[in-house]
Amino acid sequence: VEEVFDGYAVPATGPLEERWVPPD
């Protein structure tokens, strides 16, 4: 995210946006 996107991104742990992601 920092080196490729210059910080203009967030790391992803899965394919869904945050509102669907469980806390774990």
PDBML (XML) file of the C-alpha atoms, coordinates in Angstrom:
<?xml version="1.0" encoding="UTF-8" ?>
<PDBx:datablock datablockName="MODEL"
   xmlns:PDBx="http://pdbml.pdb.org/schema/pdbx-v50.xsd"
   xmlns:xsi="http://www.w3.org/2001/XMLSchema-instance"
   xsi:schemaLocation="http://pdbml.pdb.org/schema/pdbx-v50.xsd pdbx-v50.xsd">
   <PDBx:atom_siteCategory>
      <PDBx:atom_site id="1">
         <PDBx:B_iso_or_equiv>0.00</PDBx:B_iso_or_equiv>
         <PDBx:Cartn_x>0.000</PDBx:Cartn_x>
         <PDBx:Cartn_y>0.000</PDBx:Cartn_y>
         <PDBx:Cartn_z>0.000</PDBx:Cartn_z>
         <PDBx:auth_asym_id>A</PDBx:auth_asym_id>
         <PDBx:auth_atom_id>CA</PDBx:auth_atom_id>
         <PDBx:auth_comp_id>VAL</PDBx:auth_comp_id>
         <PDBx:auth_seq_id>1</PDBx:auth_seq_id>
         <PDBx:group_PDB>ATOM</PDBx:group_PDB>
         <PDBx:label_alt_id xsi:nil="true" />
         <PDBx:label_asym_id>A</PDBx:label_asym_id>
         <PDBx:label_atom_id>CA</PDBx:label_atom_id>
         <PDBx:label_comp_id>VAL</PDBx:label_comp_id>
         <PDBx:label_entity_id>1</PDBx:label_entity_id>
         <PDBx:label_seq_id>1</PDBx:label_seq_id>
         <PDBx:occupancy>1.00</PDBx:occupancy>
         <PDBx:pdbx_PDB_model_num>1</PDBx:pdbx_PDB_model_num>
         <PDBx:type_symbol>C</PDBx:type_symbol>
      </PDBx:atom_site>
      <PDBx:atom_site id="2">
         <PDBx:B_iso_or_equiv>0.00</PDBx:B_iso_or_equiv>
         <PDBx:Cartn_x>2.789</PDBx:Cartn_x>
         <PDBx:Cartn_y>2.414</PDBx:Cartn_y>
         <PDBx:Cartn_z>0.862</PDBx:Cartn_z>
         <PDBx:auth_asym_id>A</PDBx:auth_asym_id>
         <PDBx:auth_atom_id>CA</PDBx:auth_atom_id>
         <PDBx:auth_comp_id>GLU</PDBx:auth_comp_id>
         <PDBx:auth_seq_id>2</PDBx:auth_seq_id>
         <PDBx:group_PDB>ATOM</PDBx:group_PDB>
         <PDBx:label_alt_id xsi:nil="true" />
         <PDBx:label_asym_id>A</PDBx:label_asym_id>
         <PDBx:label_atom_id>CA</PDBx:label_atom_id>
         <PDBx:label_comp_id>GLU</PDBx:label_comp_id>
         <PDBx:label_entity_id>1</PDBx:label_entity_id>
         <PDBx:label_seq_id>2</PDBx:label_seq_id>
         <PDBx:occupancy>1.00</PDBx:occupancy>
         <PDBx:pdbx_PDB_model_num>1</PDBx:pdbx_PDB_model_num>
         <PDBx:type_symbol>C</PDBx:type_symbol>
      </PDBx:atom_site>
      <PDBx:atom_site id="3">
         <PDBx:B_iso_or_equiv>0.00</PDBx:B_iso_or_equiv>
         <PDBx:Cartn_x>5.234</PDBx:Cartn_x>
         <PDBx:Cartn_y>1.617</PDBx:Cartn_y>
         <PDBx:Cartn_z>-1.931</PDBx:Cartn_z>
         <PDBx:auth_asym_id>A</PDBx:auth_asym_id>
         <PDBx:auth_atom_id>CA</PDBx:auth_atom_id>
         <PDBx:auth_comp_id>GLU</PDBx:auth_comp_id>
         <PDBx:auth_seq_id>3</PDBx:auth_seq_id>
         <PDBx:group_PDB>ATOM</PDBx:group_PDB>
         <PDBx:label_alt_id xsi:nil="true" />
         <PDBx:label_asym_id>A</PDBx:label_asym_id>
         <PDBx:label_atom_id>CA</PDBx:label_atom_id>
         <PDBx:label_comp_id>GLU</PDBx:label_comp_id>
         <PDBx:label_entity_id>1</PDBx:label_entity_id>
         <PDBx:label_seq_id>3</PDBx:label_seq_id>
         <PDBx:occupancy>1.00</PDBx:occupancy>
         <PDBx:pdbx_PDB_model_num>1</PDBx:pdbx_PDB_model_num>
         <PDBx:type_symbol>C</PDBx:type_symbol>
      </PDBx:atom_site>
      <PDBx:atom_site id="4">
         <PDBx:B_iso_or_equiv>0.00</PDBx:B_iso_or_equiv>
         <PDBx:Cartn_x>2.961</PDBx:Cartn_x>
         <PDBx:Cartn_y>0.654</PDBx:Cartn_y>
         <PDBx:Cartn_z>-4.856</PDBx:Cartn_z>
         <PDBx:auth_asym_id>A</PDBx:auth_asym_id>
         <PDBx:auth_atom_id>CA</PDBx:auth_atom_id>
         <PDBx:auth_comp_id>VAL</PDBx:auth_comp_id>
         <PDBx:auth_seq_id>4</PDBx:auth_seq_id>
         <PDBx:group_PDB>ATOM</PDBx:group_PDB>
         <PDBx:label_alt_id xsi:nil="true" />
         <PDBx:label_asym_id>A</PDBx:label_asym_id>
         <PDBx:label_atom_id>CA</PDBx:label_atom_id>
         <PDBx:label_comp_id>VAL</PDBx:label_comp_id>
         <PDBx:label_entity_id>1</PDBx:label_entity_id>
         <PDBx:label_seq_id>4</PDBx:label_seq_id>
         <PDBx:occupancy>1.00</PDBx:occupancy>
         <PDBx:pdbx_PDB_model_num>1</PDBx:pdbx_PDB_model_num>
         <PDBx:type_symbol>C</PDBx:type_symbol>
      </PDBx:atom_site>
      <PDBx:atom_site id="5">
         <PDBx:B_iso_or_equiv>0.00</PDBx:B_iso_or_equiv>
         <PDBx:Cartn_x>-0.067</PDBx:Cartn_x>
         <PDBx:Cartn_y>2.844</PDBx:Cartn_y>
         <PDBx:Cartn_z>-4.128</PDBx:Cartn_z>
         <PDBx:auth_asym_id>A</PDBx:auth_asym_id>
         <PDBx:auth_atom_id>CA</PDBx:auth_atom_id>
         <PDBx:auth_comp_id>PHE</PDBx:auth_comp_id>
         <PDBx:auth_seq_id>5</PDBx:auth_seq_id>
         <PDBx:group_PDB>ATOM</PDBx:group_PDB>
         <PDBx:label_alt_id xsi:nil="true" />
         <PDBx:label_asym_id>A</PDBx:label_asym_id>
         <PDBx:label_atom_id>CA</PDBx:label_atom_id>
         <PDBx:label_comp_id>PHE</PDBx:label_comp_id>
         <PDBx:label_entity_id>1</PDBx:label_entity_id>
         <PDBx:label_seq_id>5</PDBx:label_seq_id>
         <PDBx:occupancy>1.00</PDBx:occupancy>
         <PDBx:pdbx_PDB_model_num>1</PDBx:pdbx_PDB_model_num>
         <PDBx:type_symbol>C</PDBx:type_symbol>
      </PDBx:atom_site>
      <PDBx:atom_site id="6">
         <PDBx:B_iso_or_equiv>0.00</PDBx:B_iso_or_equiv>
         <PDBx:Cartn_x>1.750</PDBx:Cartn_x>
         <PDBx:Cartn_y>5.710</PDBx:Cartn_y>
         <PDBx:Cartn_z>-2.363</PDBx:Cartn_z>
         <PDBx:auth_asym_id>A</PDBx:auth_asym_id>
         <PDBx:auth_atom_id>CA</PDBx:auth_atom_id>
         <PDBx:auth_comp_id>ASP</PDBx:auth_comp_id>
         <PDBx:auth_seq_id>6</PDBx:auth_seq_id>
         <PDBx:group_PDB>ATOM</PDBx:group_PDB>
         <PDBx:label_alt_id xsi:nil="true" />
         <PDBx:label_asym_id>A</PDBx:label_asym_id>
         <PDBx:label_atom_id>CA</PDBx:label_atom_id>
         <PDBx:label_comp_id>ASP</PDBx:label_comp_id>
         <PDBx:label_entity_id>1</PDBx:label_entity_id>
         <PDBx:label_seq_id>6</PDBx:label_seq_id>
         <PDBx:occupancy>1.00</PDBx:occupancy>
         <PDBx:pdbx_PDB_model_num>1</PDBx:pdbx_PDB_model_num>
         <PDBx:type_symbol>C</PDBx:type_symbol>
      </PDBx:atom_site>
      <PDBx:atom_site id="7">
         <PDBx:B_iso_or_equiv>0.00</PDBx:B_iso_or_equiv>
         <PDBx:Cartn_x>-0.643</PDBx:Cartn_x>
         <PDBx:Cartn_y>5.204</PDBx:Cartn_y>
         <PDBx:Cartn_z>0.532</PDBx:Cartn_z>
         <PDBx:auth_asym_id>A</PDBx:auth_asym_id>
         <PDBx:auth_atom_id>CA</PDBx:auth_atom_id>
         <PDBx:auth_comp_id>GLY</PDBx:auth_comp_id>
         <PDBx:auth_seq_id>7</PDBx:auth_seq_id>
         <PDBx:group_PDB>ATOM</PDBx:group_PDB>
         <PDBx:label_alt_id xsi:nil="true" />
         <PDBx:label_asym_id>A</PDBx:label_asym_id>
         <PDBx:label_atom_id>CA</PDBx:label_atom_id>
         <PDBx:label_comp_id>GLY</PDBx:label_comp_id>
         <PDBx:label_entity_id>1</PDBx:label_entity_id>
         <PDBx:label_seq_id>7</PDBx:label_seq_id>
         <PDBx:occupancy>1.00</PDBx:occupancy>
         <PDBx:pdbx_PDB_model_num>1</PDBx:pdbx_PDB_model_num>
         <PDBx:type_symbol>C</PDBx:type_symbol>
      </PDBx:atom_site>
      <PDBx:atom_site id="8">
         <PDBx:B_iso_or_equiv>0.00</PDBx:B_iso_or_equiv>
         <PDBx:Cartn_x>-3.738</PDBx:Cartn_x>
         <PDBx:Cartn_y>5.661</PDBx:Cartn_y>
         <PDBx:Cartn_z>-1.653</PDBx:Cartn_z>
         <PDBx:auth_asym_id>A</PDBx:auth_asym_id>
         <PDBx:auth_atom_id>CA</PDBx:auth_atom_id>
         <PDBx:auth_comp_id>TYR</PDBx:auth_comp_id>
         <PDBx:auth_seq_id>8</PDBx:auth_seq_id>
         <PDBx:group_PDB>ATOM</PDBx:group_PDB>
         <PDBx:label_alt_id xsi:nil="true" />
         <PDBx:label_asym_id>A</PDBx:label_asym_id>
         <PDBx:label_atom_id>CA</PDBx:label_atom_id>
         <PDBx:label_comp_id>TYR</PDBx:label_comp_id>
         <PDBx:label_entity_id>1</PDBx:label_entity_id>
         <PDBx:label_seq_id>8</PDBx:label_seq_id>
         <PDBx:occupancy>1.00</PDBx:occupancy>
         <PDBx:pdbx_PDB_model_num>1</PDBx:pdbx_PDB_model_num>
         <PDBx:type_symbol>C</PDBx:type_symbol>
      </PDBx:atom_site>
      <PDBx:atom_site id="9">
         <PDBx:B_iso_or_equiv>0.00</PDBx:B_iso_or_equiv>
         <PDBx:Cartn_x>-5.214</PDBx:Cartn_x>
         <PDBx:Cartn_y>2.271</PDBx:Cartn_y>
         <PDBx:Cartn_z>-0.705</PDBx:Cartn_z>
         <PDBx:auth_asym_id>A</PDBx:auth_asym_id>
         <PDBx:auth_atom_id>CA</PDBx:auth_atom_id>
         <PDBx:auth_comp_id>ALA</PDBx:auth_comp_id>
         <PDBx:auth_seq_id>9</PDBx:auth_seq_id>
         <PDBx:group_PDB>ATOM</PDBx:group_PDB>
         <PDBx:label_alt_id xsi:nil="true" />
         <PDBx:label_asym_id>A</PDBx:label_asym_id>
         <PDBx:label_atom_id>CA</PDBx:label_atom_id>
         <PDBx:label_comp_id>ALA</PDBx:label_comp_id>
         <PDBx:label_entity_id>1</PDBx:label_entity_id>
         <PDBx:label_seq_id>9</PDBx:label_seq_id>
         <PDBx:occupancy>1.00</PDBx:occupancy>
         <PDBx:pdbx_PDB_model_num>1</PDBx:pdbx_PDB_model_num>
         <PDBx:type_symbol>C</PDBx:type_symbol>
      </PDBx:atom_site>
      <PDBx:atom_site id="10">
         <PDBx:B_iso_or_equiv>0.00</PDBx:B_iso_or_equiv>
         <PDBx:Cartn_x>-6.009</PDBx:Cartn_x>
         <PDBx:Cartn_y>0.040</PDBx:Cartn_y>
         <PDBx:Cartn_z>2.277</PDBx:Cartn_z>
         <PDBx:auth_asym_id>A</PDBx:auth_asym_id>
         <PDBx:auth_atom_id>CA</PDBx:auth_atom_id>
         <PDBx:auth_comp_id>VAL</PDBx:auth_comp_id>
         <PDBx:auth_seq_id>10</PDBx:auth_seq_id>
         <PDBx:group_PDB>ATOM</PDBx:group_PDB>
         <PDBx:label_alt_id xsi:nil="true" />
         <PDBx:label_asym_id>A</PDBx:label_asym_id>
         <PDBx:label_atom_id>CA</PDBx:label_atom_id>
         <PDBx:label_comp_id>VAL</PDBx:label_comp_id>
         <PDBx:label_entity_id>1</PDBx:label_entity_id>
         <PDBx:label_seq_id>10</PDBx:label_seq_id>
         <PDBx:occupancy>1.00</PDBx:occupancy>
         <PDBx:pdbx_PDB_model_num>1</PDBx:pdbx_PDB_model_num>
         <PDBx:type_symbol>C</PDBx:type_symbol>
      </PDBx:atom_site>
      <PDBx:atom_site id="11">
         <PDBx:B_iso_or_equiv>0.00</PDBx:B_iso_or_equiv>
         <PDBx:Cartn_x>-4.817</PDBx:Cartn_x>
         <PDBx:Cartn_y>-3.561</PDBx:Cartn_y>
         <PDBx:Cartn_z>2.726</PDBx:Cartn_z>
         <PDBx:auth_asym_id>A</PDBx:auth_asym_id>
         <PDBx:auth_atom_id>CA</PDBx:auth_atom_id>
         <PDBx:auth_comp_id>PRO</PDBx:auth_comp_id>
         <PDBx:auth_seq_id>11</PDBx:auth_seq_id>
         <PDBx:group_PDB>ATOM</PDBx:group_PDB>
         <PDBx:label_alt_id xsi:nil="true" />
         <PDBx:label_asym_id>A</PDBx:label_asym_id>
         <PDBx:label_atom_id>CA</PDBx:label_atom_id>
         <PDBx:label_comp_id>PRO</PDBx:label_comp_id>
         <PDBx:label_entity_id>1</PDBx:label_entity_id>
         <PDBx:label_seq_id>11</PDBx:label_seq_id>
         <PDBx:occupancy>1.00</PDBx:occupancy>
         <PDBx:pdbx_PDB_model_num>1</PDBx:pdbx_PDB_model_num>
         <PDBx:type_symbol>C</PDBx:type_symbol>
      </PDBx:atom_site>
      <PDBx:atom_site id="12">
         <PDBx:B_iso_or_equiv>0.00</PDBx:B_iso_or_equiv>
         <PDBx:Cartn_x>-7.493</PDBx:Cartn_x>
         <PDBx:Cartn_y>-6.179</PDBx:Cartn_y>
         <PDBx:Cartn_z>2.154</PDBx:Cartn_z>
         <PDBx:auth_asym_id>A</PDBx:auth_asym_id>
         <PDBx:auth_atom_id>CA</PDBx:auth_atom_id>
         <PDBx:auth_comp_id>ALA</PDBx:auth_comp_id>
         <PDBx:auth_seq_id>12</PDBx:auth_seq_id>
         <PDBx:group_PDB>ATOM</PDBx:group_PDB>
         <PDBx:label_alt_id xsi:nil="true" />
         <PDBx:label_asym_id>A</PDBx:label_asym_id>
         <PDBx:label_atom_id>CA</PDBx:label_atom_id>
         <PDBx:label_comp_id>ALA</PDBx:label_comp_id>
         <PDBx:label_entity_id>1</PDBx:label_entity_id>
         <PDBx:label_seq_id>12</PDBx:label_seq_id>
         <PDBx:occupancy>1.00</PDBx:occupancy>
         <PDBx:pdbx_PDB_model_num>1</PDBx:pdbx_PDB_model_num>
         <PDBx:type_symbol>C</PDBx:type_symbol>
      </PDBx:atom_site>
      <PDBx:atom_site id="13">
         <PDBx:B_iso_or_equiv>0.00</PDBx:B_iso_or_equiv>
         <PDBx:Cartn_x>-7.987</PDBx:Cartn_x>
         <PDBx:Cartn_y>-9.446</PDBx:Cartn_y>
         <PDBx:Cartn_z>4.002</PDBx:Cartn_z>
         <PDBx:auth_asym_id>A</PDBx:auth_asym_id>
         <PDBx:auth_atom_id>CA</PDBx:auth_atom_id>
         <PDBx:auth_comp_id>THR</PDBx:auth_comp_id>
         <PDBx:auth_seq_id>13</PDBx:auth_seq_id>
         <PDBx:group_PDB>ATOM</PDBx:group_PDB>
         <PDBx:label_alt_id xsi:nil="true" />
         <PDBx:label_asym_id>A</PDBx:label_asym_id>
         <PDBx:label_atom_id>CA</PDBx:label_atom_id>
         <PDBx:label_comp_id>THR</PDBx:label_comp_id>
         <PDBx:label_entity_id>1</PDBx:label_entity_id>
         <PDBx:label_seq_id>13</PDBx:label_seq_id>
         <PDBx:occupancy>1.00</PDBx:occupancy>
         <PDBx:pdbx_PDB_model_num>1</PDBx:pdbx_PDB_model_num>
         <PDBx:type_symbol>C</PDBx:type_symbol>
      </PDBx:atom_site>
      <PDBx:atom_site id="14">
         <PDBx:B_iso_or_equiv>0.00</PDBx:B_iso_or_equiv>
         <PDBx:Cartn_x>-10.860</PDBx:Cartn_x>
         <PDBx:Cartn_y>-10.521</PDBx:Cartn_y>
         <PDBx:Cartn_z>1.760</PDBx:Cartn_z>
         <PDBx:auth_asym_id>A</PDBx:auth_asym_id>
         <PDBx:auth_atom_id>CA</PDBx:auth_atom_id>
         <PDBx:auth_comp_id>GLY</PDBx:auth_comp_id>
         <PDBx:auth_seq_id>14</PDBx:auth_seq_id>
         <PDBx:group_PDB>ATOM</PDBx:group_PDB>
         <PDBx:label_alt_id xsi:nil="true" />
         <PDBx:label_asym_id>A</PDBx:label_asym_id>
         <PDBx:label_atom_id>CA</PDBx:label_atom_id>
         <PDBx:label_comp_id>GLY</PDBx:label_comp_id>
         <PDBx:label_entity_id>1</PDBx:label_entity_id>
         <PDBx:label_seq_id>14</PDBx:label_seq_id>
         <PDBx:occupancy>1.00</PDBx:occupancy>
         <PDBx:pdbx_PDB_model_num>1</PDBx:pdbx_PDB_model_num>
         <PDBx:type_symbol>C</PDBx:type_symbol>
      </PDBx:atom_site>
      <PDBx:atom_site id="15">
         <PDBx:B_iso_or_equiv>0.00</PDBx:B_iso_or_equiv>
         <PDBx:Cartn_x>-13.040</PDBx:Cartn_x>
         <PDBx:Cartn_y>-9.456</PDBx:Cartn_y>
         <PDBx:Cartn_z>-1.176</PDBx:Cartn_z>
         <PDBx:auth_asym_id>A</PDBx:auth_asym_id>
         <PDBx:auth_atom_id>CA</PDBx:auth_atom_id>
         <PDBx:auth_comp_id>PRO</PDBx:auth_comp_id>
         <PDBx:auth_seq_id>15</PDBx:auth_seq_id>
         <PDBx:group_PDB>ATOM</PDBx:group_PDB>
         <PDBx:label_alt_id xsi:nil="true" />
         <PDBx:label_asym_id>A</PDBx:label_asym_id>
         <PDBx:label_atom_id>CA</PDBx:label_atom_id>
         <PDBx:label_comp_id>PRO</PDBx:label_comp_id>
         <PDBx:label_entity_id>1</PDBx:label_entity_id>
         <PDBx:label_seq_id>15</PDBx:label_seq_id>
         <PDBx:occupancy>1.00</PDBx:occupancy>
         <PDBx:pdbx_PDB_model_num>1</PDBx:pdbx_PDB_model_num>
         <PDBx:type_symbol>C</PDBx:type_symbol>
      </PDBx:atom_site>
      <PDBx:atom_site id="16">
         <PDBx:B_iso_or_equiv>0.00</PDBx:B_iso_or_equiv>
         <PDBx:Cartn_x>-15.813</PDBx:Cartn_x>
         <PDBx:Cartn_y>-7.591</PDBx:Cartn_y>
         <PDBx:Cartn_z>0.692</PDBx:Cartn_z>
         <PDBx:auth_asym_id>A</PDBx:auth_asym_id>
         <PDBx:auth_atom_id>CA</PDBx:auth_atom_id>
         <PDBx:auth_comp_id>LEU</PDBx:auth_comp_id>
         <PDBx:auth_seq_id>16</PDBx:auth_seq_id>
         <PDBx:group_PDB>ATOM</PDBx:group_PDB>
         <PDBx:label_alt_id xsi:nil="true" />
         <PDBx:label_asym_id>A</PDBx:label_asym_id>
         <PDBx:label_atom_id>CA</PDBx:label_atom_id>
         <PDBx:label_comp_id>LEU</PDBx:label_comp_id>
         <PDBx:label_entity_id>1</PDBx:label_entity_id>
         <PDBx:label_seq_id>16</PDBx:label_seq_id>
         <PDBx:occupancy>1.00</PDBx:occupancy>
         <PDBx:pdbx_PDB_model_num>1</PDBx:pdbx_PDB_model_num>
         <PDBx:type_symbol>C</PDBx:type_symbol>
      </PDBx:atom_site>
      <PDBx:atom_site id="17">
         <PDBx:B_iso_or_equiv>0.00</PDBx:B_iso_or_equiv>
         <PDBx:Cartn_x>-15.838</PDBx:Cartn_x>
         <PDBx:Cartn_y>-4.003</PDBx:Cartn_y>
         <PDBx:Cartn_z>1.906</PDBx:Cartn_z>
         <PDBx:auth_asym_id>A</PDBx:auth_asym_id>
         <PDBx:auth_atom_id>CA</PDBx:auth_atom_id>
         <PDBx:auth_comp_id>GLU</PDBx:auth_comp_id>
         <PDBx:auth_seq_id>17</PDBx:auth_seq_id>
         <PDBx:group_PDB>ATOM</PDBx:group_PDB>
         <PDBx:label_alt_id xsi:nil="true" />
         <PDBx:label_asym_id>A</PDBx:label_asym_id>
         <PDBx:label_atom_id>CA</PDBx:label_atom_id>
         <PDBx:label_comp_id>GLU</PDBx:label_comp_id>
         <PDBx:label_entity_id>1</PDBx:label_entity_id>
         <PDBx:label_seq_id>17</PDBx:label_seq_id>
         <PDBx:occupancy>1.00</PDBx:occupancy>
         <PDBx:pdbx_PDB_model_num>1</PDBx:pdbx_PDB_model_num>
         <PDBx:type_symbol>C</PDBx:type_symbol>
      </PDBx:atom_site>
      <PDBx:atom_site id="18">
         <PDBx:B_iso_or_equiv>0.00</PDBx:B_iso_or_equiv>
         <PDBx:Cartn_x>-15.347</PDBx:Cartn_x>
         <PDBx:Cartn_y>-3.372</PDBx:Cartn_y>
         <PDBx:Cartn_z>5.602</PDBx:Cartn_z>
         <PDBx:auth_asym_id>A</PDBx:auth_asym_id>
         <PDBx:auth_atom_id>CA</PDBx:auth_atom_id>
         <PDBx:auth_comp_id>GLU</PDBx:auth_comp_id>
         <PDBx:auth_seq_id>18</PDBx:auth_seq_id>
         <PDBx:group_PDB>ATOM</PDBx:group_PDB>
         <PDBx:label_alt_id xsi:nil="true" />
         <PDBx:label_asym_id>A</PDBx:label_asym_id>
         <PDBx:label_atom_id>CA</PDBx:label_atom_id>
         <PDBx:label_comp_id>GLU</PDBx:label_comp_id>
         <PDBx:label_entity_id>1</PDBx:label_entity_id>
         <PDBx:label_seq_id>18</PDBx:label_seq_id>
         <PDBx:occupancy>1.00</PDBx:occupancy>
         <PDBx:pdbx_PDB_model_num>1</PDBx:pdbx_PDB_model_num>
         <PDBx:type_symbol>C</PDBx:type_symbol>
      </PDBx:atom_site>
      <PDBx:atom_site id="19">
         <PDBx:B_iso_or_equiv>0.00</PDBx:B_iso_or_equiv>
         <PDBx:Cartn_x>-18.988</PDBx:Cartn_x>
         <PDBx:Cartn_y>-3.297</PDBx:Cartn_y>
         <PDBx:Cartn_z>6.676</PDBx:Cartn_z>
         <PDBx:auth_asym_id>A</PDBx:auth_asym_id>
         <PDBx:auth_atom_id>CA</PDBx:auth_atom_id>
         <PDBx:auth_comp_id>ARG</PDBx:auth_comp_id>
         <PDBx:auth_seq_id>19</PDBx:auth_seq_id>
         <PDBx:group_PDB>ATOM</PDBx:group_PDB>
         <PDBx:label_alt_id xsi:nil="true" />
         <PDBx:label_asym_id>A</PDBx:label_asym_id>
         <PDBx:label_atom_id>CA</PDBx:label_atom_id>
         <PDBx:label_comp_id>ARG</PDBx:label_comp_id>
         <PDBx:label_entity_id>1</PDBx:label_entity_id>
         <PDBx:label_seq_id>19</PDBx:label_seq_id>
         <PDBx:occupancy>1.00</PDBx:occupancy>
         <PDBx:pdbx_PDB_model_num>1</PDBx:pdbx_PDB_model_num>
         <PDBx:type_symbol>C</PDBx:type_symbol>
      </PDBx:atom_site>
      <PDBx:atom_site id="20">
         <PDBx:B_iso_or_equiv>0.00</PDBx:B_iso_or_equiv>
         <PDBx:Cartn_x>-19.274</PDBx:Cartn_x>
         <PDBx:Cartn_y>-7.015</PDBx:Cartn_y>
         <PDBx:Cartn_z>5.852</PDBx:Cartn_z>
         <PDBx:auth_asym_id>A</PDBx:auth_asym_id>
         <PDBx:auth_atom_id>CA</PDBx:auth_atom_id>
         <PDBx:auth_comp_id>TRP</PDBx:auth_comp_id>
         <PDBx:auth_seq_id>20</PDBx:auth_seq_id>
         <PDBx:group_PDB>ATOM</PDBx:group_PDB>
         <PDBx:label_alt_id xsi:nil="true" />
         <PDBx:label_asym_id>A</PDBx:label_asym_id>
         <PDBx:label_atom_id>CA</PDBx:label_atom_id>
         <PDBx:label_comp_id>TRP</PDBx:label_comp_id>
         <PDBx:label_entity_id>1</PDBx:label_entity_id>
         <PDBx:label_seq_id>20</PDBx:label_seq_id>
         <PDBx:occupancy>1.00</PDBx:occupancy>
         <PDBx:pdbx_PDB_model_num>1</PDBx:pdbx_PDB_model_num>
         <PDBx:type_symbol>C</PDBx:type_symbol>
      </PDBx:atom_site>
      <PDBx:atom_site id="21">
         <PDBx:B_iso_or_equiv>0.00</PDBx:B_iso_or_equiv>
         <PDBx:Cartn_x>-15.970</PDBx:Cartn_x>
         <PDBx:Cartn_y>-8.109</PDBx:Cartn_y>
         <PDBx:Cartn_z>7.444</PDBx:Cartn_z>
         <PDBx:auth_asym_id>A</PDBx:auth_asym_id>
         <PDBx:auth_atom_id>CA</PDBx:auth_atom_id>
         <PDBx:auth_comp_id>VAL</PDBx:auth_comp_id>
         <PDBx:auth_seq_id>21</PDBx:auth_seq_id>
         <PDBx:group_PDB>ATOM</PDBx:group_PDB>
         <PDBx:label_alt_id xsi:nil="true" />
         <PDBx:label_asym_id>A</PDBx:label_asym_id>
         <PDBx:label_atom_id>CA</PDBx:label_atom_id>
         <PDBx:label_comp_id>VAL</PDBx:label_comp_id>
         <PDBx:label_entity_id>1</PDBx:label_entity_id>
         <PDBx:label_seq_id>21</PDBx:label_seq_id>
         <PDBx:occupancy>1.00</PDBx:occupancy>
         <PDBx:pdbx_PDB_model_num>1</PDBx:pdbx_PDB_model_num>
         <PDBx:type_symbol>C</PDBx:type_symbol>
      </PDBx:atom_site>
      <PDBx:atom_site id="22">
         <PDBx:B_iso_or_equiv>0.00</PDBx:B_iso_or_equiv>
         <PDBx:Cartn_x>-16.125</PDBx:Cartn_x>
         <PDBx:Cartn_y>-9.784</PDBx:Cartn_y>
         <PDBx:Cartn_z>10.902</PDBx:Cartn_z>
         <PDBx:auth_asym_id>A</PDBx:auth_asym_id>
         <PDBx:auth_atom_id>CA</PDBx:auth_atom_id>
         <PDBx:auth_comp_id>PRO</PDBx:auth_comp_id>
         <PDBx:auth_seq_id>22</PDBx:auth_seq_id>
         <PDBx:group_PDB>ATOM</PDBx:group_PDB>
         <PDBx:label_alt_id xsi:nil="true" />
         <PDBx:label_asym_id>A</PDBx:label_asym_id>
         <PDBx:label_atom_id>CA</PDBx:label_atom_id>
         <PDBx:label_comp_id>PRO</PDBx:label_comp_id>
         <PDBx:label_entity_id>1</PDBx:label_entity_id>
         <PDBx:label_seq_id>22</PDBx:label_seq_id>
         <PDBx:occupancy>1.00</PDBx:occupancy>
         <PDBx:pdbx_PDB_model_num>1</PDBx:pdbx_PDB_model_num>
         <PDBx:type_symbol>C</PDBx:type_symbol>
      </PDBx:atom_site>
      <PDBx:atom_site id="23">
         <PDBx:B_iso_or_equiv>0.00</PDBx:B_iso_or_equiv>
         <PDBx:Cartn_x>-13.806</PDBx:Cartn_x>
         <PDBx:Cartn_y>-8.292</PDBx:Cartn_y>
         <PDBx:Cartn_z>13.569</PDBx:Cartn_z>
         <PDBx:auth_asym_id>A</PDBx:auth_asym_id>
         <PDBx:auth_atom_id>CA</PDBx:auth_atom_id>
         <PDBx:auth_comp_id>PRO</PDBx:auth_comp_id>
         <PDBx:auth_seq_id>23</PDBx:auth_seq_id>
         <PDBx:group_PDB>ATOM</PDBx:group_PDB>
         <PDBx:label_alt_id xsi:nil="true" />
         <PDBx:label_asym_id>A</PDBx:label_asym_id>
         <PDBx:label_atom_id>CA</PDBx:label_atom_id>
         <PDBx:label_comp_id>PRO</PDBx:label_comp_id>
         <PDBx:label_entity_id>1</PDBx:label_entity_id>
         <PDBx:label_seq_id>23</PDBx:label_seq_id>
         <PDBx:occupancy>1.00</PDBx:occupancy>
         <PDBx:pdbx_PDB_model_num>1</PDBx:pdbx_PDB_model_num>
         <PDBx:type_symbol>C</PDBx:type_symbol>
      </PDBx:atom_site>
      <PDBx:atom_site id="24">
         <PDBx:B_iso_or_equiv>0.00</PDBx:B_iso_or_equiv>
         <PDBx:Cartn_x>-11.498</PDBx:Cartn_x>
         <PDBx:Cartn_y>-11.324</PDBx:Cartn_y>
         <PDBx:Cartn_z>13.617</PDBx:Cartn_z>
         <PDBx:auth_asym_id>A</PDBx:auth_asym_id>
         <PDBx:auth_atom_id>CA</PDBx:auth_atom_id>
         <PDBx:auth_comp_id>ASP</PDBx:auth_comp_id>
         <PDBx:auth_seq_id>24</PDBx:auth_seq_id>
         <PDBx:group_PDB>ATOM</PDBx:group_PDB>
         <PDBx:label_alt_id xsi:nil="true" />
         <PDBx:label_asym_id>A</PDBx:label_asym_id>
         <PDBx:label_atom_id>CA</PDBx:label_atom_id>
         <PDBx:label_comp_id>ASP</PDBx:label_comp_id>
         <PDBx:label_entity_id>1</PDBx:label_entity_id>
         <PDBx:label_seq_id>24</PDBx:label_seq_id>
         <PDBx:occupancy>1.00</PDBx:occupancy>
         <PDBx:pdbx_PDB_model_num>1</PDBx:pdbx_PDB_model_num>
         <PDBx:type_symbol>C</PDBx:type_symbol>
      </PDBx:atom_site>
   </PDBx:atom_siteCategory>
</PDBx:datablock>
